[in-house]
Amino acid sequence: MVEENVITPVLKPTEWCAPVVIVPKSDGNVRICEDLIELNKNVMRELHPLLKAECSLNLSTGAKIFSKLDANSGFWQIPLDKKSSYLTTFITPFAGIGCF
């Protein structure tokens, strides 16, 4: 993942450092995940209310062109800024410390 520029080695102290957990997949393989429960408890969230379906349908009345977006592996589609990426710092017993 380092070669693919998905994760970056962290060489300095950071405010947050999460453990890595192994989660079994339905096909018998495993997924390596970061446990961000403690970080999530401390995140100040902005509110982004969605329109009700009825309002969205009313806004599209008369439209002739529609777009569809399918973001495969969506969690990799939007890069984090440097300050935010340090909040995703994780530690593993076999690969040291890194962040997304």
C-alpha atoms as a PDB file:
ATOM      1  CA  MET A   1       0.000   0.000   0.000  1.00  0.00           C
ATOM      2  CA  VAL A   2       3.004   2.280   0.457  1.00  0.00           C
ATOM      3  CA  GLU A   3       4.025   1.692  -3.171  1.00  0.00           C
ATOM      4  CA  GLU A   4       0.463   2.550  -4.271  1.00  0.00           C
ATOM      5  CA  ASN A   5       0.569   5.815  -2.226  1.00  0.00           C
ATOM      6  CA  VAL A   6      -2.410   4.666  -0.156  1.00  0.00           C
ATOM      7  CA  ILE A   7      -0.510   4.803   3.144  1.00  0.00           C
ATOM      8  CA  THR A   8       2.496   6.861   4.199  1.00  0.00           C
ATOM      9  CA  PRO A   9       5.049   5.930   6.874  1.00  0.00           C
ATOM     10  CA  VAL A  10       4.803   8.210   9.934  1.00  0.00           C
ATOM     11  CA  LEU A  11       8.152   9.281  11.348  1.00  0.00           C
ATOM     12  CA  LYS A  12       7.030  11.734  14.047  1.00  0.00           C
ATOM     13  CA  PRO A  13       4.786  11.636  17.129  1.00  0.00           C
ATOM     14  CA  THR A  14       1.081  12.150  16.412  1.00  0.00           C
ATOM     15  CA  GLU A  15      -1.923  12.987  18.548  1.00  0.00           C
ATOM     16  CA  TRP A  16      -3.780   9.792  17.562  1.00  0.00           C
ATOM     17  CA  CYS A  17      -2.599   6.254  16.929  1.00  0.00           C
ATOM     18  CA  ALA A  18      -5.131   3.493  16.328  1.00  0.00           C
ATOM     19  CA  PRO A  19      -4.685  -0.276  16.427  1.00  0.00           C
ATOM     20  CA  VAL A  20      -5.133  -2.477  13.379  1.00  0.00           C
ATOM     21  CA  VAL A  21      -7.699  -5.279  13.528  1.00  0.00           C
ATOM     22  CA  ILE A  22      -8.151  -8.324  11.304  1.00  0.00           C
ATOM     23  CA  VAL A  23     -11.732  -8.885  10.104  1.00  0.00           C
ATOM     24  CA  PRO A  24     -12.759 -12.147   8.379  1.00  0.00           C
ATOM     25  CA  LYS A  25     -14.475 -11.781   5.002  1.00  0.00           C
ATOM     26  CA  SER A  26     -17.322 -14.004   3.811  1.00  0.00           C
ATOM     27  CA  ASP A  27     -15.051 -15.629   1.185  1.00  0.00           C
ATOM     28  CA  GLY A  28     -12.589 -16.864   3.838  1.00  0.00           C
ATOM     29  CA  ASN A  29     -10.004 -14.123   3.257  1.00  0.00           C
ATOM     30  CA  VAL A  30      -9.293 -11.418   5.806  1.00  0.00           C
ATOM     31  CA  ARG A  31      -9.508  -7.641   5.675  1.00  0.00           C
ATOM     32  CA  ILE A  32      -7.007  -5.480   7.545  1.00  0.00           C
ATOM     33  CA  CYS A  33      -8.877  -2.572   9.150  1.00  0.00           C
ATOM     34  CA  GLU A  34      -8.052   0.345  11.386  1.00  0.00           C
ATOM     35  CA  ASP A  35     -10.017   0.604  14.653  1.00  0.00           C
ATOM     36  CA  LEU A  36     -10.996   4.293  14.786  1.00  0.00           C
ATOM     37  CA  ILE A  37     -13.609   3.957  17.557  1.00  0.00           C
ATOM     38  CA  GLU A  38     -11.770   6.299  19.935  1.00  0.00           C
ATOM     39  CA  LEU A  39     -11.131   8.903  17.229  1.00  0.00           C
ATOM     40  CA  ASN A  40     -14.781   8.774  16.129  1.00  0.00           C
ATOM     41  CA  LYS A  41     -15.899   9.498  19.704  1.00  0.00           C
ATOM     42  CA  ASN A  42     -13.978  12.794  19.512  1.00  0.00           C
ATOM     43  CA  VAL A  43     -14.820  13.995  15.996  1.00  0.00           C
ATOM     44  CA  MET A  44     -16.820  17.215  15.750  1.00  0.00           C
ATOM     45  CA  ARG A  45     -19.217  16.465  12.906  1.00  0.00           C
ATOM     46  CA  GLU A  46     -20.679  18.983  10.499  1.00  0.00           C
ATOM     47  CA  LEU A  47     -24.329  18.528   9.614  1.00  0.00           C
ATOM     48  CA  HIS A  48     -25.148  17.907   5.956  1.00  0.00           C
ATOM     49  CA  PRO A  49     -28.888  17.219   5.847  1.00  0.00           C
ATOM     50  CA  LEU A  50     -30.202  15.453   2.754  1.00  0.00           C
ATOM     51  CA  LEU A  51     -33.319  16.444   0.875  1.00  0.00           C
ATOM     52  CA  LYS A  52     -36.325  14.199   1.283  1.00  0.00           C
ATOM     53  CA  ALA A  53     -36.884  11.910  -1.698  1.00  0.00           C
ATOM     54  CA  GLU A  54     -40.080  13.782  -2.613  1.00  0.00           C
ATOM     55  CA  CYS A  55     -38.212  17.107  -2.808  1.00  0.00           C
ATOM     56  CA  SER A  56     -35.451  15.571  -4.920  1.00  0.00           C
ATOM     57  CA  LEU A  57     -38.006  14.131  -7.341  1.00  0.00           C
ATOM     58  CA  ASN A  58     -39.772  17.483  -7.611  1.00  0.00           C
ATOM     59  CA  LEU A  59     -36.472  19.214  -8.429  1.00  0.00           C
ATOM     60  CA  SER A  60     -35.820  16.765 -11.267  1.00  0.00           C
ATOM     61  CA  THR A  61     -39.205  17.285 -12.951  1.00  0.00           C
ATOM     62  CA  GLY A  62     -38.623  18.085 -16.614  1.00  0.00           C
ATOM     63  CA  ALA A  63     -34.964  17.071 -16.560  1.00  0.00           C
ATOM     64  CA  LYS A  64     -33.754  15.285 -19.673  1.00  0.00           C
ATOM     65  CA  ILE A  65     -30.223  14.287 -18.666  1.00  0.00           C
ATOM     66  CA  PHE A  66     -29.252  12.439 -15.499  1.00  0.00           C
ATOM     67  CA  SER A  67     -25.849  11.374 -14.177  1.00  0.00           C
ATOM     68  CA  LYS A  68     -24.900   8.338 -12.164  1.00  0.00           C
ATOM     69  CA  LEU A  69     -21.689   7.999 -10.172  1.00  0.00           C
ATOM     70  CA  ASP A  70     -20.340   4.692  -8.903  1.00  0.00           C
ATOM     71  CA  ALA A  71     -17.258   5.276  -6.746  1.00  0.00           C
ATOM     72  CA  ASN A  72     -15.629   1.849  -6.515  1.00  0.00           C
ATOM     73  CA  SER A  73     -13.636   1.637  -3.259  1.00  0.00           C
ATOM     74  CA  GLY A  74     -15.041   5.044  -2.369  1.00  0.00           C
ATOM     75  CA  PHE A  75     -12.926   5.358   0.765  1.00  0.00           C
ATOM     76  CA  TRP A  76      -9.849   5.757  -1.498  1.00  0.00           C
ATOM     77  CA  GLN A  77     -11.453   8.248  -3.901  1.00  0.00           C
ATOM     78  CA  ILE A  78     -11.039  11.440  -1.847  1.00  0.00           C
ATOM     79  CA  PRO A  79      -7.539  12.130  -0.499  1.00  0.00           C
ATOM     80  CA  LEU A  80      -7.164  13.495   3.031  1.00  0.00           C
ATOM     81  CA  ASP A  81      -5.237  16.692   3.662  1.00  0.00           C
ATOM     82  CA  LYS A  82      -1.996  16.253   5.616  1.00  0.00           C
ATOM     83  CA  LYS A  83      -3.444  17.388   8.976  1.00  0.00           C
ATOM     84  CA  SER A  84      -6.405  15.008   8.655  1.00  0.00           C
ATOM     85  CA  SER A  85      -4.245  12.117   7.482  1.00  0.00           C
ATOM     86  CA  TYR A  86      -2.324  12.155  10.772  1.00  0.00           C
ATOM     87  CA  LEU A  87      -5.621  11.427  12.551  1.00  0.00           C
ATOM     88  CA  THR A  88      -5.605   8.067  10.737  1.00  0.00           C
ATOM     89  CA  THR A  89      -2.212   7.061  12.131  1.00  0.00           C
ATOM     90  CA  PHE A  90      -2.131   3.359  12.949  1.00  0.00           C
ATOM     91  CA  ILE A  91       0.384   0.960  14.420  1.00  0.00           C
ATOM     92  CA  THR A  92       0.989  -2.693  13.600  1.00  0.00           C
ATOM     93  CA  PRO A  93       3.364  -5.215  15.149  1.00  0.00           C
ATOM     94  CA  PHE A  94       4.757  -6.133  11.720  1.00  0.00           C
ATOM     95  CA  ALA A  95       4.803  -2.930   9.651  1.00  0.00           C
ATOM     96  CA  GLY A  96       5.465  -0.060  12.052  1.00  0.00           C
ATOM     97  CA  ILE A  97       3.452   3.150  11.977  1.00  0.00           C
ATOM     98  CA  GLY A  98       1.629   4.650   8.997  1.00  0.00           C
ATOM     99  CA  CYS A  99      -1.335   6.795   8.013  1.00  0.00           C
ATOM    100  CA  PHE A 100      -3.737   7.227   5.096  1.00  0.00           C
END
